[in-house]
Protein backbone atom coordinates (compact mmCIF):
# COMPACT_ATOMS: atom_id res chain seq x y z
CA GLU A 1 112.28 -15.74 31.65
CA PRO A 2 111.25 -19.38 32.00
CA ALA A 3 113.59 -22.06 30.72
CA VAL A 4 112.28 -24.05 27.76
CA GLU A 5 113.35 -27.61 27.13
CA GLY A 6 112.46 -29.78 24.14
CA ILE A 7 112.66 -33.56 24.18
CA HIS A 8 112.26 -35.88 21.18
CA ARG A 9 112.87 -39.62 21.33
CA GLN A 10 112.34 -42.06 18.48
CA PRO A 11 110.17 -43.96 19.28
CA GLY A 12 109.03 -42.05 22.35
CA LEU A 13 106.64 -44.75 23.54
CA ARG A 14 106.26 -48.28 22.21
CA ALA A 15 102.85 -49.85 21.62
CA GLY A 16 101.46 -51.16 24.91
CA ASP A 17 103.98 -49.32 27.09
CA VAL A 18 102.60 -47.18 29.90
CA MET A 19 104.19 -44.18 31.58
CA PRO A 20 102.48 -44.03 35.01
CA GLU A 21 100.72 -40.90 36.23
CA HIS A 22 103.07 -38.04 36.97
CA ALA A 23 103.12 -34.23 36.82
CA ALA A 24 105.63 -31.79 35.35
CA PRO A 25 106.75 -28.72 37.32
CA GLY A 26 105.99 -26.41 34.38
CA GLU A 27 103.57 -26.08 31.48
CA LEU A 28 104.10 -28.58 28.69
CA THR A 29 103.06 -29.21 25.13
CA ILE A 30 103.03 -32.44 23.17
CA LEU A 31 103.16 -32.48 19.37
CA GLY A 32 102.45 -35.91 17.89
CA LEU A 33 105.03 -36.83 15.22
CA ALA A 34 104.39 -40.51 14.40
CA GLY A 35 102.23 -43.37 15.65
CA ARG A 36 99.55 -42.91 18.28
CA LEU A 37 99.54 -42.53 22.05
CA GLU A 38 96.93 -41.91 24.70
CA LEU A 39 97.26 -38.99 27.09
CA ILE A 40 95.30 -39.87 30.22
CA THR A 41 94.24 -37.14 32.66
CA PRO A 42 91.77 -37.30 35.55
CA GLU A 43 89.21 -35.52 33.32
CA ARG A 44 89.57 -37.48 30.07
CA THR A 45 91.67 -39.60 27.73
CA LEU A 46 92.91 -38.11 24.45
CA GLU A 47 94.42 -40.01 21.55
CA VAL A 48 97.38 -38.09 20.10
CA GLY A 49 98.63 -38.75 16.57
CA PRO A 50 100.79 -37.01 13.97
CA GLY A 51 100.08 -33.28 13.90
CA ASP A 52 97.99 -33.30 17.09
CA PHE A 53 98.98 -30.64 19.63
CA VAL A 54 98.15 -30.76 23.34
CA HIS A 55 98.84 -28.26 26.13
CA LEU A 56 98.90 -29.16 29.83
CA GLY A 57 99.23 -26.67 32.68
CA ALA A 58 101.96 -26.87 35.29
CA ARG A 59 101.58 -29.76 37.72
CA ALA A 60 98.67 -31.28 35.75
CA PRO A 61 98.57 -35.03 36.53
CA HIS A 62 98.77 -37.23 33.43
CA ALA A 63 99.83 -40.66 32.20
CA LEU A 64 100.73 -41.93 28.72
CA ARG A 65 100.03 -45.21 26.95
CA GLY A 66 101.37 -46.27 23.57
CA VAL A 67 98.56 -47.25 21.18
CA GLN A 68 101.18 -47.73 18.41
CA ASP A 69 104.92 -47.09 18.51
CA ALA A 70 104.81 -43.31 18.88
CA SER A 71 107.12 -40.37 18.63
CA ALA A 72 106.32 -36.91 19.95
CA LEU A 73 107.99 -33.59 20.64
CA LEU A 74 107.57 -32.62 24.28
CA THR A 75 108.29 -29.00 25.20
CA LEU A 76 108.50 -28.13 28.88
CA SER A 77 108.52 -24.54 30.14
CA LEU A 78 110.10 -24.43 33.58
CA PRO A 79 109.58 -21.51 35.96
CA PRO A 80 112.71 -19.43 36.60
CA PRO A 81 114.62 -20.18 39.81
CA THR A 82 113.35 -18.06 42.69
CA GLY A 83 115.45 -15.03 43.60
CA ARG A 84 117.74 -15.15 40.55
CA LEU A 85 117.88 -12.78 37.63
CA SER A 86 117.94 -14.21 34.15
CA ALA A 87 121.41 -14.29 32.61
CA ALA A 88 119.80 -13.45 29.26
CA ARG A 89 118.71 -9.94 30.30
CA ALA A 90 120.05 -7.20 28.11
CA GLN A 91 122.55 -4.84 29.70
CA PRO A 92 122.36 -1.11 29.02
CA PRO A 93 124.88 0.06 26.41
CA THR A 94 128.10 1.63 27.62
CA GLY A 95 129.90 4.52 25.97
CA THR A 96 128.69 6.62 23.06
CA PRO A 97 128.07 5.04 19.64
CA SER A 98 130.63 6.16 17.06
CA GLY A 99 129.66 9.24 15.09
CA ARG A 100 127.42 10.62 17.85
CA GLN A 101 128.32 13.34 20.32
């Protein structure tokens, strides 16, 4: 199972601030909460505002620029560590449930 991480900062990006191009190791989504920001990819620039939802694939290069003071919920889905089993896996039941033979 991939790990999921949510990040919310208020404000997430101030008007005029720029977060230089970078890439996340996993898929990510951005849900605009307040204000407006630009999501800049090599293909296009999208303006994200309250209620707007954007999905980016793993390792997709992108930058952000604050159009207004903006707040967004960023959810990042990280791939599981290689060679390790998830600690959340269900274990088979042991013993016999009461009342059954």
